[in-house]
Amino acid sequence: MLRYFSVIVTTFIFWHLCSFVKLVEGKKLEQMDKFPPGPLEMTTPDPLVRGSVEKQLLTLEELQKLETVLDELNQEATTTLQTGDKLTAFDIWNREL
C-alpha cells in the first residue's frame, strides 16, 4: 500500500515538473521581456525639459513650471490607473521619472 502511494506521488511530482518546463518553453522570449528599459536608462529627450539642461541648469521659473507639469502627469497617471488602464498609467509615471 505504501509503495503504491509512493508511485502515485512520484508520478504526480514528475508530471508537474514536466508541465512547468513545457509552459516555460511555450512562452516566447519577447513575451517574457515585454517591459522597456528602466525610465532612468532612457536617453530620448523629453519636450518638458530643454535640450541644453546639461550645459546650464534650469532657472527657477523653469523648475516651477516643470514641477507643475510633473504634478499634472502624476494626476493623469493616477486617474488612468483608477480607470483600469495599468500599462498606460505606468508609462506616464515612467515619463514623469
PDB file of N, CA and C in Angstrom:
ATOM      1  N   MET A   1       0.819  -1.192   0.000  1.00  0.00           N
ATOM      2  CA  MET A   1       0.000   0.000   0.000  1.00  0.00           C
ATOM      3  C   MET A   1       0.866   1.260   0.000  1.00  0.00           C
ATOM      4  N   LEU A   2       1.888   1.294   0.845  1.00  0.00           N
ATOM      5  CA  LEU A   2       2.777   2.438   0.904  1.00  0.00           C
ATOM      6  C   LEU A   2       3.551   2.588  -0.404  1.00  0.00           C
ATOM      7  N   ARG A   3       3.933   1.481  -1.001  1.00  0.00           N
ATOM      8  CA  ARG A   3       4.661   1.507  -2.262  1.00  0.00           C
ATOM      9  C   ARG A   3       3.765   2.084  -3.376  1.00  0.00           C
ATOM     10  N   TYR A   4       2.524   1.699  -3.390  1.00  0.00           N
ATOM     11  CA  TYR A   4       1.573   2.193  -4.374  1.00  0.00           C
ATOM     12  C   TYR A   4       1.385   3.707  -4.221  1.00  0.00           C
ATOM     13  N   PHE A   5       1.252   4.181  -2.997  1.00  0.00           N
ATOM     14  CA  PHE A   5       1.116   5.606  -2.723  1.00  0.00           C
ATOM     15  C   PHE A   5       2.364   6.359  -3.158  1.00  0.00           C
ATOM     16  N   SER A   6       3.534   5.802  -2.912  1.00  0.00           N
ATOM     17  CA  SER A   6       4.802   6.407  -3.303  1.00  0.00           C
ATOM     18  C   SER A   6       4.904   6.566  -4.821  1.00  0.00           C
ATOM     19  N   VAL A   7       4.441   5.576  -5.555  1.00  0.00           N
ATOM     20  CA  VAL A   7       4.466   5.637  -7.016  1.00  0.00           C
ATOM     21  C   VAL A   7       3.527   6.744  -7.503  1.00  0.00           C
ATOM     22  N   ILE A   8       2.380   6.865  -6.907  1.00  0.00           N
ATOM     23  CA  ILE A   8       1.426   7.906  -7.300  1.00  0.00           C
ATOM     24  C   ILE A   8       1.994   9.296  -7.025  1.00  0.00           C
ATOM     25  N   VAL A   9       2.572   9.501  -5.870  1.00  0.00           N
ATOM     26  CA  VAL A   9       3.133  10.803  -5.517  1.00  0.00           C
ATOM     27  C   VAL A   9       4.306  11.145  -6.440  1.00  0.00           C
ATOM     28  N   THR A  10       5.167  10.185  -6.701  1.00  0.00           N
ATOM     29  CA  THR A  10       6.307  10.415  -7.588  1.00  0.00           C
ATOM     30  C   THR A  10       5.835  10.764  -8.997  1.00  0.00           C
ATOM     31  N   THR A  11       4.840  10.060  -9.489  1.00  0.00           N
ATOM     32  CA  THR A  11       4.292  10.343 -10.817  1.00  0.00           C
ATOM     33  C   THR A  11       3.680  11.740 -10.854  1.00  0.00           C
ATOM     34  N   PHE A  12       2.974  12.110  -9.822  1.00  0.00           N
ATOM     35  CA  PHE A  12       2.351  13.417  -9.741  1.00  0.00           C
ATOM     36  C   PHE A  12       3.404  14.526  -9.763  1.00  0.00           C
ATOM     37  N   ILE A  13       4.473  14.380  -8.990  1.00  0.00           N
ATOM     38  CA  ILE A  13       5.546  15.378  -8.960  1.00  0.00           C
ATOM     39  C   ILE A  13       6.230  15.467 -10.312  1.00  0.00           C
ATOM     40  N   PHE A  14       6.515  14.341 -10.919  1.00  0.00           N
ATOM     41  CA  PHE A  14       7.162  14.320 -12.225  1.00  0.00           C
ATOM     42  C   PHE A  14       6.278  15.008 -13.274  1.00  0.00           C
ATOM     43  N   TRP A  15       4.983  14.740 -13.225  1.00  0.00           N
ATOM     44  CA  TRP A  15       4.046  15.341 -14.170  1.00  0.00           C
ATOM     45  C   TRP A  15       4.026  16.862 -14.031  1.00  0.00           C
ATOM     46  N   HIS A  16       4.042  17.366 -12.785  1.00  0.00           N
ATOM     47  CA  HIS A  16       4.053  18.810 -12.559  1.00  0.00           C
ATOM     48  C   HIS A  16       5.337  19.451 -13.072  1.00  0.00           C
ATOM     49  N   LEU A  17       6.456  18.804 -12.850  1.00  0.00           N
ATOM     50  CA  LEU A  17       7.718  19.352 -13.338  1.00  0.00           C
ATOM     51  C   LEU A  17       7.739  19.410 -14.868  1.00  0.00           C
ATOM     52  N   CYS A  18       7.245  18.369 -15.507  1.00  0.00           N
ATOM     53  CA  CYS A  18       7.197  18.357 -16.972  1.00  0.00           C
ATOM     54  C   CYS A  18       6.241  19.430 -17.494  1.00  0.00           C
ATOM     55  N   SER A  19       5.137  19.638 -16.835  1.00  0.00           N
ATOM     56  CA  SER A  19       4.170  20.666 -17.243  1.00  0.00           C
ATOM     57  C   SER A  19       4.793  22.047 -17.149  1.00  0.00           C
ATOM     58  N   PHE A  20       5.534  22.284 -16.084  1.00  0.00           N
ATOM     59  CA  PHE A  20       6.162  23.579 -15.894  1.00  0.00           C
ATOM     60  C   PHE A  20       7.198  23.839 -16.984  1.00  0.00           C
ATOM     61  N   VAL A  21       8.002  22.854 -17.316  1.00  0.00           N
ATOM     62  CA  VAL A  21       9.014  23.013 -18.359  1.00  0.00           C
ATOM     63  C   VAL A  21       8.342  23.312 -19.696  1.00  0.00           C
ATOM     64  N   LYS A  22       7.274  22.609 -20.014  1.00  0.00           N
ATOM     65  CA  LYS A  22       6.544  22.851 -21.261  1.00  0.00           C
ATOM     66  C   LYS A  22       5.949  24.256 -21.278  1.00  0.00           C
ATOM     67  N   LEU A  23       5.453  24.703 -20.143  1.00  0.00           N
ATOM     68  CA  LEU A  23       4.866  26.037 -20.058  1.00  0.00           C
ATOM     69  C   LEU A  23       5.923  27.098 -20.320  1.00  0.00           C
ATOM     70  N   VAL A  24       7.097  26.948 -19.736  1.00  0.00           N
ATOM     71  CA  VAL A  24       8.172  27.907 -19.922  1.00  0.00           C
ATOM     72  C   VAL A  24       8.678  27.871 -21.357  1.00  0.00           C
ATOM     73  N   GLU A  25       8.792  26.700 -21.948  1.00  0.00           N
ATOM     74  CA  GLU A  25       9.252  26.586 -23.327  1.00  0.00           C
ATOM     75  C   GLU A  25       8.257  27.212 -24.291  1.00  0.00           C
ATOM     76  N   GLY A  26       6.982  27.163 -23.950  1.00  0.00           N
ATOM     77  CA  GLY A  26       5.945  27.678 -24.830  1.00  0.00           C
ATOM     78  C   GLY A  26       5.942  29.192 -24.932  1.00  0.00           C
ATOM     79  N   LYS A  27       6.439  29.876 -23.927  1.00  0.00           N
ATOM     80  CA  LYS A  27       6.459  31.336 -23.959  1.00  0.00           C
ATOM     81  C   LYS A  27       7.649  31.811 -24.776  1.00  0.00           C
ATOM     82  N   LYS A  28       7.392  32.782 -25.601  1.00  0.00           N
ATOM     83  CA  LYS A  28       8.473  33.340 -26.410  1.00  0.00           C
ATOM     84  C   LYS A  28       9.276  34.315 -25.572  1.00  0.00           C
ATOM     85  N   LEU A  29      10.524  34.471 -25.955  1.00  0.00           N
ATOM     86  CA  LEU A  29      11.413  35.357 -25.216  1.00  0.00           C
ATOM     87  C   LEU A  29      10.914  36.797 -25.237  1.00  0.00           C
ATOM     88  N   GLU A  30      10.321  37.219 -26.356  1.00  0.00           N
ATOM     89  CA  GLU A  30       9.818  38.587 -26.445  1.00  0.00           C
ATOM     90  C   GLU A  30       8.684  38.827 -25.455  1.00  0.00           C
ATOM     91  N   GLN A  31       7.859  37.817 -25.241  1.00  0.00           N
ATOM     92  CA  GLN A  31       6.751  37.971 -24.314  1.00  0.00           C
ATOM     93  C   GLN A  31       7.250  38.057 -22.880  1.00  0.00           C
ATOM     94  N   MET A  32       8.307  37.326 -22.578  1.00  0.00           N
ATOM     95  CA  MET A  32       8.821  37.325 -21.214  1.00  0.00           C
ATOM     96  C   MET A  32       9.523  38.644 -20.886  1.00  0.00           C
ATOM     97  N   ASP A  33      10.091  39.304 -21.897  1.00  0.00           N
ATOM     98  CA  ASP A  33      10.800  40.556 -21.681  1.00  0.00           C
ATOM     99  C   ASP A  33      10.053  41.678 -22.397  1.00  0.00           C
ATOM    100  N   LYS A  34       8.806  41.893 -22.021  1.00  0.00           N
ATOM    101  CA  LYS A  34       7.973  42.857 -22.724  1.00  0.00           C
ATOM    102  C   LYS A  34       8.080  44.269 -22.165  1.00  0.00           C
ATOM    103  N   PHE A  35       8.765  44.430 -21.059  1.00  0.00           N
ATOM    104  CA  PHE A  35       8.863  45.747 -20.454  1.00  0.00           C
ATOM    105  C   PHE A  35      10.057  46.506 -21.026  1.00  0.00           C
ATOM    106  N   PRO A  36       9.915  47.795 -21.241  1.00  0.00           N
ATOM    107  CA  PRO A  36      11.034  48.592 -21.754  1.00  0.00           C
ATOM    108  C   PRO A  36      12.100  48.741 -20.675  1.00  0.00           C
ATOM    109  N   PRO A  37      13.257  49.268 -21.035  1.00  0.00           N
ATOM    110  CA  PRO A  37      14.281  49.505 -20.009  1.00  0.00           C
ATOM    111  C   PRO A  37      13.766  50.487 -18.968  1.00  0.00           C
ATOM    112  N   GLY A  38      14.441  50.541 -17.857  1.00  0.00           N
ATOM    113  CA  GLY A  38      14.033  51.416 -16.776  1.00  0.00           C
ATOM    114  C   GLY A  38      13.934  52.867 -17.229  1.00  0.00           C
ATOM    115  N   PRO A  39      13.058  53.644 -16.629  1.00  0.00           N
ATOM    116  CA  PRO A  39      12.848  55.029 -17.062  1.00  0.00           C
ATOM    117  C   PRO A  39      14.091  55.895 -16.894  1.00  0.00           C
ATOM    118  N   LEU A  40      14.973  55.536 -15.992  1.00  0.00           N
ATOM    119  CA  LEU A  40      16.176  56.338 -15.794  1.00  0.00           C
ATOM    120  C   LEU A  40      17.264  55.980 -16.804  1.00  0.00           C
ATOM    121  N   GLU A  41      17.073  54.891 -17.565  1.00  0.00           N
ATOM    122  CA  GLU A  41      18.049  54.464 -18.563  1.00  0.00           C
ATOM    123  C   GLU A  41      17.729  55.008 -19.955  1.00  0.00           C
ATOM    124  N   MET A  42      16.562  55.570 -20.144  1.00  0.00           N
ATOM    125  CA  MET A  42      16.168  56.067 -21.456  1.00  0.00           C
ATOM    126  C   MET A  42      16.926  57.350 -21.787  1.00  0.00           C
ATOM    127  N   THR A  43      17.337  57.471 -23.047  1.00  0.00           N
ATOM    128  CA  THR A  43      18.103  58.645 -23.475  1.00  0.00           C
ATOM    129  C   THR A  43      17.321  59.540 -24.419  1.00  0.00           C
ATOM    130  N   THR A  44      16.066  59.223 -24.674  1.00  0.00           N
ATOM    131  CA  THR A  44      15.238  60.035 -25.559  1.00  0.00           C
ATOM    132  C   THR A  44      14.930  61.364 -24.875  1.00  0.00           C
ATOM    133  N   PRO A  45      15.215  62.492 -25.525  1.00  0.00           N
ATOM    134  CA  PRO A  45      14.930  63.785 -24.892  1.00  0.00           C
ATOM    135  C   PRO A  45      13.426  64.011 -24.729  1.00  0.00           C
ATOM    136  N   ASP A  46      13.056  64.623 -23.646  1.00  0.00           N
ATOM    137  CA  ASP A  46      11.650  64.891 -23.370  1.00  0.00           C
ATOM    138  C   ASP A  46      11.369  66.373 -23.646  1.00  0.00           C
ATOM    139  N   PRO A  47      10.246  66.676 -24.277  1.00  0.00           N
ATOM    140  CA  PRO A  47       9.948  68.077 -24.589  1.00  0.00           C
ATOM    141  C   PRO A  47       9.683  68.953 -23.356  1.00  0.00           C
ATOM    142  N   LEU A  48       9.520  68.340 -22.197  1.00  0.00           N
ATOM    143  CA  LEU A  48       9.282  69.136 -20.994  1.00  0.00           C
ATOM    144  C   LEU A  48      10.549  69.855 -20.523  1.00  0.00           C
ATOM    145  N   VAL A  49      11.707  69.331 -20.881  1.00  0.00           N
ATOM    146  CA  VAL A  49      12.970  69.907 -20.436  1.00  0.00           C
ATOM    147  C   VAL A  49      13.753  70.331 -21.674  1.00  0.00           C
ATOM    148  N   ARG A  50      14.301  71.527 -21.633  1.00  0.00           N
ATOM    149  CA  ARG A  50      15.066  71.990 -22.794  1.00  0.00           C
ATOM    150  C   ARG A  50      16.317  71.143 -22.970  1.00  0.00           C
ATOM    151  N   GLY A  51      16.802  71.087 -24.196  1.00  0.00           N
ATOM    152  CA  GLY A  51      17.921  70.215 -24.541  1.00  0.00           C
ATOM    153  C   GLY A  51      19.246  70.611 -23.927  1.00  0.00           C
ATOM    154  N   SER A  52      19.430  71.873 -23.605  1.00  0.00           N
ATOM    155  CA  SER A  52      20.723  72.333 -23.086  1.00  0.00           C
ATOM    156  C   SER A  52      20.789  72.296 -21.564  1.00  0.00           C
ATOM    157  N   VAL A  53      19.973  71.474 -20.943  1.00  0.00           N
ATOM    158  CA  VAL A  53      19.939  71.432 -19.475  1.00  0.00           C
ATOM    159  C   VAL A  53      21.257  70.897 -18.913  1.00  0.00           C
ATOM    160  N   GLU A  54      21.986  70.110 -19.699  1.00  0.00           N
ATOM    161  CA  GLU A  54      23.263  69.583 -19.221  1.00  0.00           C
ATOM    162  C   GLU A  54      24.333  70.674 -19.200  1.00  0.00           C
ATOM    163  N   LYS A  55      24.201  71.668 -20.077  1.00  0.00           N
ATOM    164  CA  LYS A  55      25.184  72.754 -20.137  1.00  0.00           C
ATOM    165  C   LYS A  55      24.888  73.836 -19.102  1.00  0.00           C
ATOM    166  N   GLN A  56      23.586  74.108 -18.917  1.00  0.00           N
ATOM    167  CA  GLN A  56      23.189  75.147 -17.972  1.00  0.00           C
ATOM    168  C   GLN A  56      21.983  74.649 -17.184  1.00  0.00           C
ATOM    169  N   LEU A  57      22.032  74.815 -15.876  1.00  0.00           N
ATOM    170  CA  LEU A  57      20.931  74.362 -15.030  1.00  0.00           C
ATOM    171  C   LEU A  57      19.648  75.117 -15.349  1.00  0.00           C
ATOM    172  N   LEU A  58      18.521  74.522 -14.971  1.00  0.00           N
ATOM    173  CA  LEU A  58      17.222  75.160 -15.188  1.00  0.00           C
ATOM    174  C   LEU A  58      17.087  76.378 -14.275  1.00  0.00           C
ATOM    175  N   THR A  59      16.405  77.398 -14.766  1.00  0.00           N
ATOM    176  CA  THR A  59      16.150  78.575 -13.953  1.00  0.00           C
ATOM    177  C   THR A  59      15.043  78.261 -12.957  1.00  0.00           C
ATOM    178  N   LEU A  60      14.834  79.159 -12.019  1.00  0.00           N
ATOM    179  CA  LEU A  60      13.799  78.965 -11.008  1.00  0.00           C
ATOM    180  C   LEU A  60      12.418  78.875 -11.652  1.00  0.00           C
ATOM    181  N   GLU A  61      12.170  79.718 -12.656  1.00  0.00           N
ATOM    182  CA  GLU A  61      10.878  79.694 -13.352  1.00  0.00           C
ATOM    183  C   GLU A  61      10.673  78.358 -14.077  1.00  0.00           C
ATOM    184  N   GLU A  62      11.733  77.875 -14.741  1.00  0.00           N
ATOM    185  CA  GLU A  62      11.647  76.593 -15.452  1.00  0.00           C
ATOM    186  C   GLU A  62      11.414  75.439 -14.485  1.00  0.00           C
ATOM    187  N   LEU A  63      12.067  75.499 -13.321  1.00  0.00           N
ATOM    188  CA  LEU A  63      11.858  74.453 -12.309  1.00  0.00           C
ATOM    189  C   LEU A  63      10.429  74.450 -11.784  1.00  0.00           C
ATOM    190  N   GLN A  64       9.870  75.631 -11.549  1.00  0.00           N
ATOM    191  CA  GLN A  64       8.491  75.719 -11.061  1.00  0.00           C
ATOM    192  C   GLN A  64       7.511  75.204 -12.113  1.00  0.00           C
ATOM    193  N   LYS A  65       7.740  75.575 -13.368  1.00  0.00           N
ATOM    194  CA  LYS A  65       6.879  75.093 -14.448  1.00  0.00           C
ATOM    195  C   LYS A  65       6.983  73.579 -14.581  1.00  0.00           C
ATOM    196  N   LEU A  66       8.209  73.055 -14.481  1.00  0.00           N
ATOM    197  CA  LEU A  66       8.420  71.612 -14.574  1.00  0.00           C
ATOM    198  C   LEU A  66       7.733  70.884 -13.423  1.00  0.00           C
ATOM    199  N   GLU A  67       7.818  71.440 -12.232  1.00  0.00           N
ATOM    200  CA  GLU A  67       7.162  70.824 -11.077  1.00  0.00           C
ATOM    201  C   GLU A  67       5.646  70.761 -11.272  1.00  0.00           C
ATOM    202  N   THR A  68       5.067  71.824 -11.811  1.00  0.00           N
ATOM    203  CA  THR A  68       3.626  71.847 -12.072  1.00  0.00           C
ATOM    204  C   THR A  68       3.235  70.799 -13.103  1.00  0.00           C
ATOM    205  N   VAL A  69       4.007  70.714 -14.176  1.00  0.00           N
ATOM    206  CA  VAL A  69       3.707  69.743 -15.232  1.00  0.00           C
ATOM    207  C   VAL A  69       3.870  68.316 -14.712  1.00  0.00           C
ATOM    208  N   LEU A  70       4.884  68.082 -13.882  1.00  0.00           N
ATOM    209  CA  LEU A  70       5.081  66.739 -13.322  1.00  0.00           C
ATOM    210  C   LEU A  70       3.940  66.355 -12.384  1.00  0.00           C
ATOM    211  N   ASP A  71       3.432  67.329 -11.627  1.00  0.00           N
ATOM    212  CA  ASP A  71       2.263  67.054 -10.779  1.00  0.00           C
ATOM    213  C   ASP A  71       1.045  66.701 -11.626  1.00  0.00           C
ATOM    214  N   GLU A  72       0.894  67.385 -12.759  1.00  0.00           N
ATOM    215  CA  GLU A  72      -0.220  67.077 -13.661  1.00  0.00           C
ATOM    216  C   GLU A  72      -0.066  65.682 -14.263  1.00  0.00           C
ATOM    217  N   LEU A  73       1.168  65.315 -14.606  1.00  0.00           N
ATOM    218  CA  LEU A  73       1.410  63.958 -15.122  1.00  0.00           C
ATOM    219  C   LEU A  73       1.066  62.902 -14.073  1.00  0.00           C
ATOM    220  N   ASN A  74       1.438  63.165 -12.829  1.00  0.00           N
ATOM    221  CA  ASN A  74       1.115  62.227 -11.754  1.00  0.00           C
ATOM    222  C   ASN A  74      -0.390  62.085 -11.589  1.00  0.00           C
ATOM    223  N   GLN A  75      -1.095  63.204 -11.650  1.00  0.00           N
ATOM    224  CA  GLN A  75      -2.560  63.168 -11.523  1.00  0.00           C
ATOM    225  C   GLN A  75      -3.178  62.389 -12.685  1.00  0.00           C
ATOM    226  N   GLU A  76      -2.647  62.618 -13.896  1.00  0.00           N
ATOM    227  CA  GLU A  76      -3.147  61.903 -15.072  1.00  0.00           C
ATOM    228  C   GLU A  76      -2.911  60.395 -14.936  1.00  0.00           C
ATOM    229  N   ALA A  77      -1.734  60.025 -14.438  1.00  0.00           N
ATOM    230  CA  ALA A  77      -1.426  58.601 -14.259  1.00  0.00           C
ATOM    231  C   ALA A  77      -2.327  57.977 -13.201  1.00  0.00           C
ATOM    232  N   THR A  78      -2.577  58.693 -12.126  1.00  0.00           N
ATOM    233  CA  THR A  78      -3.456  58.185 -11.074  1.00  0.00           C
ATOM    234  C   THR A  78      -4.869  57.974 -11.596  1.00  0.00           C
ATOM    235  N   THR A  79      -5.362  58.934 -12.363  1.00  0.00           N
ATOM    236  CA  THR A  79      -6.699  58.815 -12.951  1.00  0.00           C
ATOM    237  C   THR A  79      -6.762  57.651 -13.934  1.00  0.00           C
ATOM    238  N   THR A  80      -5.724  57.505 -14.747  1.00  0.00           N
ATOM    239  CA  THR A  80      -5.674  56.413 -15.717  1.00  0.00           C
ATOM    240  C   THR A  80      -5.658  55.067 -15.017  1.00  0.00           C
ATOM    241  N   LEU A  81      -4.914  54.974 -13.916  1.00  0.00           N
ATOM    242  CA  LEU A  81      -4.867  53.716 -13.161  1.00  0.00           C
ATOM    243  C   LEU A  81      -6.230  53.395 -12.561  1.00  0.00           C
ATOM    244  N   GLN A  82      -6.933  54.403 -12.091  1.00  0.00           N
ATOM    245  CA  GLN A  82      -8.253  54.178 -11.495  1.00  0.00           C
ATOM    246  C   GLN A  82      -9.274  53.719 -12.527  1.00  0.00           C
ATOM    247  N   THR A  83      -9.053  54.090 -13.795  1.00  0.00           N
ATOM    248  CA  THR A  83      -9.955  53.615 -14.850  1.00  0.00           C
ATOM    249  C   THR A  83      -9.621  52.189 -15.272  1.00  0.00           C
ATOM    250  N   GLY A  84      -8.491  51.664 -14.802  1.00  0.00           N
ATOM    251  CA  GLY A  84      -8.142  50.273 -15.074  1.00  0.00           C
ATOM    252  C   GLY A  84      -7.073  50.070 -16.124  1.00  0.00           C
ATOM    253  N   ASP A  85      -6.545  51.137 -16.703  1.00  0.00           N
ATOM    254  CA  ASP A  85      -5.510  51.015 -17.733  1.00  0.00           C
ATOM    255  C   ASP A  85      -4.133  51.093 -17.070  1.00  0.00           C
ATOM    256  N   LYS A  86      -3.685  49.970 -16.538  1.00  0.00           N
ATOM    257  CA  LYS A  86      -2.437  49.939 -15.775  1.00  0.00           C
ATOM    258  C   LYS A  86      -1.221  50.250 -16.634  1.00  0.00           C
ATOM    259  N   LEU A  87      -1.169  49.692 -17.834  1.00  0.00           N
ATOM    260  CA  LEU A  87       0.004  49.863 -18.692  1.00  0.00           C
ATOM    261  C   LEU A  87       0.230  51.330 -19.047  1.00  0.00           C
ATOM    262  N   THR A  88      -0.830  52.021 -19.438  1.00  0.00           N
ATOM    263  CA  THR A  88      -0.711  53.438 -19.779  1.00  0.00           C
ATOM    264  C   THR A  88      -0.344  54.267 -18.551  1.00  0.00           C
ATOM    265  N   ALA A  89      -0.917  53.927 -17.404  1.00  0.00           N
ATOM    266  CA  ALA A  89      -0.610  54.664 -16.174  1.00  0.00           C
ATOM    267  C   ALA A  89       0.868  54.556 -15.833  1.00  0.00           C
ATOM    268  N   PHE A  90       1.418  53.354 -15.936  1.00  0.00           N
ATOM    269  CA  PHE A  90       2.834  53.190 -15.603  1.00  0.00           C
ATOM    270  C   PHE A  90       3.732  53.815 -16.672  1.00  0.00           C
ATOM    271  N   ASP A  91       3.276  53.883 -17.916  1.00  0.00           N
ATOM    272  CA  ASP A  91       4.029  54.611 -18.943  1.00  0.00           C
ATOM    273  C   ASP A  91       4.115  56.092 -18.584  1.00  0.00           C
ATOM    274  N   ILE A  92       3.022  56.636 -18.099  1.00  0.00           N
ATOM    275  CA  ILE A  92       3.006  58.052 -17.711  1.00  0.00           C
ATOM    276  C   ILE A  92       3.922  58.276 -16.513  1.00  0.00           C
ATOM    277  N   TRP A  93       3.858  57.381 -15.524  1.00  0.00           N
ATOM    278  CA  TRP A  93       4.746  57.528 -14.353  1.00  0.00           C
ATOM    279  C   TRP A  93       6.210  57.377 -14.753  1.00  0.00           C
ATOM    280  N   ASN A  94       6.501  56.482 -15.695  1.00  0.00           N
ATOM    281  CA  ASN A  94       7.879  56.350 -16.157  1.00  0.00           C
ATOM    282  C   ASN A  94       8.345  57.621 -16.839  1.00  0.00           C
ATOM    283  N   ARG A  95       7.467  58.269 -17.583  1.00  0.00           N
ATOM    284  CA  ARG A  95       7.831  59.539 -18.208  1.00  0.00           C
ATOM    285  C   ARG A  95       8.098  60.592 -17.144  1.00  0.00           C
ATOM    286  N   GLU A  96       7.305  60.563 -16.095  1.00  0.00           N
ATOM    287  CA  GLU A  96       7.499  61.530 -15.013  1.00  0.00           C
ATOM    288  C   GLU A  96       8.892  61.369 -14.375  1.00  0.00           C
ATOM    289  N   LEU A  97       9.340  60.137 -14.267  1.00  0.00           N
ATOM    290  CA  LEU A  97      10.671  59.911 -13.699  1.00  0.00           C
ATOM    291  C   LEU A  97      11.746  60.460 -14.592  1.00  0.00           C
TER     292      LEU A  97
END
